[in-house]
N, C-alpha and C. Protein backbone atom coordinates (compact mmCIF):
# COMPACT_ATOMS: atom_id res chain seq x y z
N MET A 1 -4.52 -2.61 11.02
CA MET A 1 -3.84 -2.10 9.86
C MET A 1 -4.56 -0.85 9.35
N ALA A 2 -5.88 -0.83 9.45
CA ALA A 2 -6.64 0.33 8.99
C ALA A 2 -6.23 1.59 9.75
N LEU A 3 -6.03 1.46 11.05
CA LEU A 3 -5.62 2.62 11.86
C LEU A 3 -4.23 3.09 11.45
N GLN A 4 -3.34 2.18 11.17
CA GLN A 4 -2.00 2.56 10.71
C GLN A 4 -2.06 3.30 9.38
N LEU A 5 -2.90 2.83 8.47
CA LEU A 5 -3.06 3.51 7.18
C LEU A 5 -3.64 4.91 7.39
N TYR A 6 -4.58 5.02 8.31
CA TYR A 6 -5.18 6.32 8.61
C TYR A 6 -4.11 7.29 9.11
N ASN A 7 -3.25 6.82 10.02
CA ASN A 7 -2.18 7.67 10.55
C ASN A 7 -1.20 8.08 9.46
N ILE A 8 -0.86 7.15 8.58
CA ILE A 8 0.03 7.48 7.46
C ILE A 8 -0.63 8.50 6.55
N GLN A 9 -1.94 8.34 6.33
CA GLN A 9 -2.69 9.29 5.51
C GLN A 9 -2.60 10.70 6.11
N ALA A 10 -2.72 10.80 7.41
CA ALA A 10 -2.67 12.10 8.08
C ALA A 10 -1.30 12.76 7.96
N ILE A 11 -0.24 11.97 7.91
CA ILE A 11 1.11 12.51 7.87
C ILE A 11 1.59 12.79 6.44
N PHE A 12 1.39 11.82 5.54
CA PHE A 12 1.98 11.91 4.20
C PHE A 12 1.01 12.25 3.07
N ASP A 13 -0.28 12.06 3.27
CA ASP A 13 -1.31 12.33 2.27
C ASP A 13 -1.04 11.63 0.93
N PRO A 14 -0.91 10.29 0.94
CA PRO A 14 -0.68 9.58 -0.32
C PRO A 14 -1.94 9.54 -1.18
N GLU A 15 -1.76 9.22 -2.45
CA GLU A 15 -2.90 9.09 -3.36
C GLU A 15 -3.58 7.73 -3.24
N LYS A 16 -2.81 6.72 -2.82
CA LYS A 16 -3.34 5.36 -2.76
C LYS A 16 -2.45 4.53 -1.85
N PHE A 17 -3.02 3.52 -1.20
CA PHE A 17 -2.25 2.55 -0.45
C PHE A 17 -2.26 1.24 -1.22
N ALA A 18 -1.10 0.67 -1.47
CA ALA A 18 -0.99 -0.61 -2.16
C ALA A 18 -0.37 -1.62 -1.20
N ILE A 19 -1.10 -2.68 -0.93
CA ILE A 19 -0.66 -3.73 -0.02
C ILE A 19 -0.04 -4.84 -0.86
N GLY A 20 1.19 -5.22 -0.55
CA GLY A 20 1.88 -6.25 -1.32
C GLY A 20 2.24 -7.45 -0.48
N GLY A 21 2.95 -8.36 -1.07
CA GLY A 21 3.38 -9.57 -0.39
C GLY A 21 2.30 -10.63 -0.35
N GLY A 22 2.55 -11.68 0.37
CA GLY A 22 1.62 -12.80 0.44
C GLY A 22 0.26 -12.42 0.99
N ILE A 23 0.25 -11.44 1.89
CA ILE A 23 -1.01 -11.01 2.50
C ILE A 23 -1.97 -10.44 1.46
N SER A 24 -1.45 -9.89 0.39
CA SER A 24 -2.30 -9.27 -0.63
C SER A 24 -3.03 -10.30 -1.49
N ALA A 25 -2.71 -11.57 -1.32
CA ALA A 25 -3.38 -12.63 -2.09
C ALA A 25 -4.80 -12.89 -1.58
N GLN A 26 -5.12 -12.34 -0.43
CA GLN A 26 -6.44 -12.53 0.16
C GLN A 26 -7.34 -11.33 -0.15
N PRO A 27 -8.20 -11.42 -1.16
CA PRO A 27 -9.07 -10.28 -1.51
C PRO A 27 -9.96 -9.84 -0.35
N LEU A 28 -10.39 -10.78 0.48
CA LEU A 28 -11.24 -10.43 1.61
C LEU A 28 -10.51 -9.51 2.58
N LEU A 29 -9.22 -9.71 2.75
CA LEU A 29 -8.45 -8.87 3.66
C LEU A 29 -8.44 -7.42 3.17
N ILE A 30 -8.19 -7.21 1.90
CA ILE A 30 -8.18 -5.85 1.34
C ILE A 30 -9.56 -5.21 1.52
N GLU A 31 -10.61 -5.99 1.29
CA GLU A 31 -11.98 -5.49 1.46
C GLU A 31 -12.23 -5.06 2.90
N LYS A 32 -11.83 -5.88 3.86
CA LYS A 32 -12.03 -5.57 5.28
C LYS A 32 -11.19 -4.37 5.72
N ILE A 33 -9.97 -4.27 5.22
CA ILE A 33 -9.14 -3.11 5.53
C ILE A 33 -9.82 -1.84 5.03
N ASN A 34 -10.35 -1.88 3.80
CA ASN A 34 -11.07 -0.73 3.25
C ASN A 34 -12.26 -0.35 4.11
N GLU A 35 -13.04 -1.34 4.55
CA GLU A 35 -14.21 -1.07 5.39
C GLU A 35 -13.81 -0.37 6.68
N GLN A 36 -12.84 -0.93 7.38
CA GLN A 36 -12.41 -0.36 8.66
C GLN A 36 -11.74 0.99 8.48
N TYR A 37 -10.99 1.13 7.43
CA TYR A 37 -10.28 2.39 7.14
C TYR A 37 -11.28 3.53 6.93
N LYS A 38 -12.32 3.28 6.16
CA LYS A 38 -13.31 4.32 5.87
C LYS A 38 -14.12 4.70 7.10
N LYS A 39 -14.27 3.79 8.05
CA LYS A 39 -15.00 4.09 9.29
C LYS A 39 -14.24 5.09 10.17
N LEU A 40 -12.94 5.21 9.98
CA LEU A 40 -12.12 6.08 10.83
C LEU A 40 -12.27 7.56 10.50
N PHE A 41 -12.78 7.88 9.33
CA PHE A 41 -12.85 9.27 8.90
C PHE A 41 -14.06 9.96 9.50
N ILE A 42 -13.82 11.19 10.00
CA ILE A 42 -14.92 12.00 10.53
C ILE A 42 -15.05 13.25 9.66
N PRO A 43 -16.27 13.71 9.45
CA PRO A 43 -16.50 14.82 8.50
C PRO A 43 -15.79 16.13 8.84
N VAL A 44 -15.54 16.42 10.10
CA VAL A 44 -14.96 17.72 10.46
C VAL A 44 -13.45 17.78 10.25
N PHE A 45 -12.81 16.63 10.10
CA PHE A 45 -11.37 16.61 9.90
C PHE A 45 -11.08 16.58 8.41
N PRO A 46 -10.18 17.42 7.91
CA PRO A 46 -10.01 17.58 6.46
C PRO A 46 -9.21 16.48 5.74
N LEU A 47 -9.35 15.26 6.17
CA LEU A 47 -8.69 14.14 5.47
C LEU A 47 -9.70 13.47 4.56
N ARG A 48 -9.25 13.06 3.41
CA ARG A 48 -10.11 12.32 2.49
C ARG A 48 -9.61 10.88 2.43
N PRO A 49 -10.51 9.92 2.48
CA PRO A 49 -10.06 8.53 2.36
C PRO A 49 -9.53 8.25 0.96
N VAL A 50 -8.49 7.45 0.89
CA VAL A 50 -7.93 7.06 -0.41
C VAL A 50 -8.16 5.56 -0.59
N GLU A 51 -7.94 5.10 -1.78
CA GLU A 51 -8.18 3.70 -2.11
C GLU A 51 -7.08 2.81 -1.54
N VAL A 52 -7.48 1.68 -0.99
CA VAL A 52 -6.55 0.65 -0.53
C VAL A 52 -6.69 -0.52 -1.50
N VAL A 53 -5.59 -0.89 -2.15
CA VAL A 53 -5.63 -1.94 -3.18
C VAL A 53 -4.50 -2.93 -2.95
N ALA A 54 -4.62 -4.07 -3.60
CA ALA A 54 -3.53 -5.05 -3.61
C ALA A 54 -2.55 -4.66 -4.71
N CYS A 55 -1.27 -4.84 -4.45
CA CYS A 55 -0.25 -4.55 -5.46
C CYS A 55 -0.48 -5.42 -6.69
N GLU A 56 -0.13 -4.89 -7.83
CA GLU A 56 -0.30 -5.62 -9.08
C GLU A 56 0.49 -6.92 -9.09
N PHE A 57 1.70 -6.89 -8.56
CA PHE A 57 2.56 -8.07 -8.61
C PHE A 57 2.46 -8.94 -7.36
N ARG A 58 1.63 -8.54 -6.42
CA ARG A 58 1.34 -9.30 -5.20
C ARG A 58 2.59 -9.85 -4.53
N ASN A 59 2.70 -11.16 -4.44
CA ASN A 59 3.81 -11.78 -3.71
C ASN A 59 5.14 -11.69 -4.45
N ASP A 60 5.12 -11.37 -5.73
CA ASP A 60 6.36 -11.28 -6.51
C ASP A 60 6.97 -9.88 -6.48
N ALA A 61 6.34 -8.95 -5.82
CA ALA A 61 6.83 -7.56 -5.81
C ALA A 61 8.25 -7.47 -5.27
N ASN A 62 8.56 -8.24 -4.21
CA ASN A 62 9.91 -8.18 -3.65
C ASN A 62 10.95 -8.72 -4.63
N LEU A 63 10.60 -9.75 -5.38
CA LEU A 63 11.54 -10.30 -6.36
C LEU A 63 11.77 -9.32 -7.51
N ILE A 64 10.72 -8.68 -7.95
CA ILE A 64 10.85 -7.70 -9.02
C ILE A 64 11.68 -6.51 -8.55
N GLY A 65 11.47 -6.08 -7.32
CA GLY A 65 12.26 -4.99 -6.76
C GLY A 65 13.73 -5.36 -6.62
N ALA A 66 13.99 -6.59 -6.18
CA ALA A 66 15.38 -7.05 -6.06
C ALA A 66 16.05 -7.11 -7.43
N TYR A 67 15.32 -7.60 -8.42
CA TYR A 67 15.86 -7.66 -9.78
C TYR A 67 16.16 -6.26 -10.30
N TYR A 68 15.25 -5.34 -10.05
CA TYR A 68 15.46 -3.95 -10.50
C TYR A 68 16.71 -3.36 -9.85
N GLN A 69 16.88 -3.59 -8.55
CA GLN A 69 18.06 -3.08 -7.85
C GLN A 69 19.34 -3.69 -8.43
N LEU A 70 19.30 -4.98 -8.69
CA LEU A 70 20.46 -5.65 -9.28
C LEU A 70 20.80 -5.04 -10.63
N ARG A 71 19.80 -4.85 -11.48
CA ARG A 71 20.02 -4.26 -12.80
C ARG A 71 20.57 -2.84 -12.69
N THR A 72 20.04 -2.07 -11.76
CA THR A 72 20.49 -0.69 -11.57
C THR A 72 21.94 -0.66 -11.11
N LYS A 73 22.29 -1.51 -10.17
CA LYS A 73 23.66 -1.54 -9.65
C LYS A 73 24.63 -2.04 -10.71
N MET A 74 24.22 -3.02 -11.50
CA MET A 74 25.10 -3.56 -12.54
C MET A 74 25.35 -2.52 -13.62
N VAL A 75 24.35 -1.76 -13.98
CA VAL A 75 24.50 -0.73 -15.00
C VAL A 75 25.41 0.38 -14.50
N SER A 76 25.27 0.76 -13.23
CA SER A 76 26.08 1.85 -12.71
C SER A 76 27.54 1.43 -12.48
N VAL A 77 27.79 0.14 -12.31
CA VAL A 77 29.15 -0.35 -12.11
C VAL A 77 29.87 -0.51 -13.44
N CYS A 78 29.16 -0.96 -14.45
CA CYS A 78 29.78 -1.24 -15.76
C CYS A 78 30.00 0.01 -16.57
């Protein structure tokens, strides 16, 4: 996963990576991803490592997103 984040960093240059879903409930996983991710950076390449964090809503993020979409669609229809 760290290598995938590195590749995304090279293409899109995000400010932060937020990992959501059930996997984000494991703090050790986020810590290990951060460790491996930071090892991939070399000083001569102009990429800066960004923070990898767990989403605030963790496993409920998909439900909140679905609710938001429902509310948006209902407002635009009415």
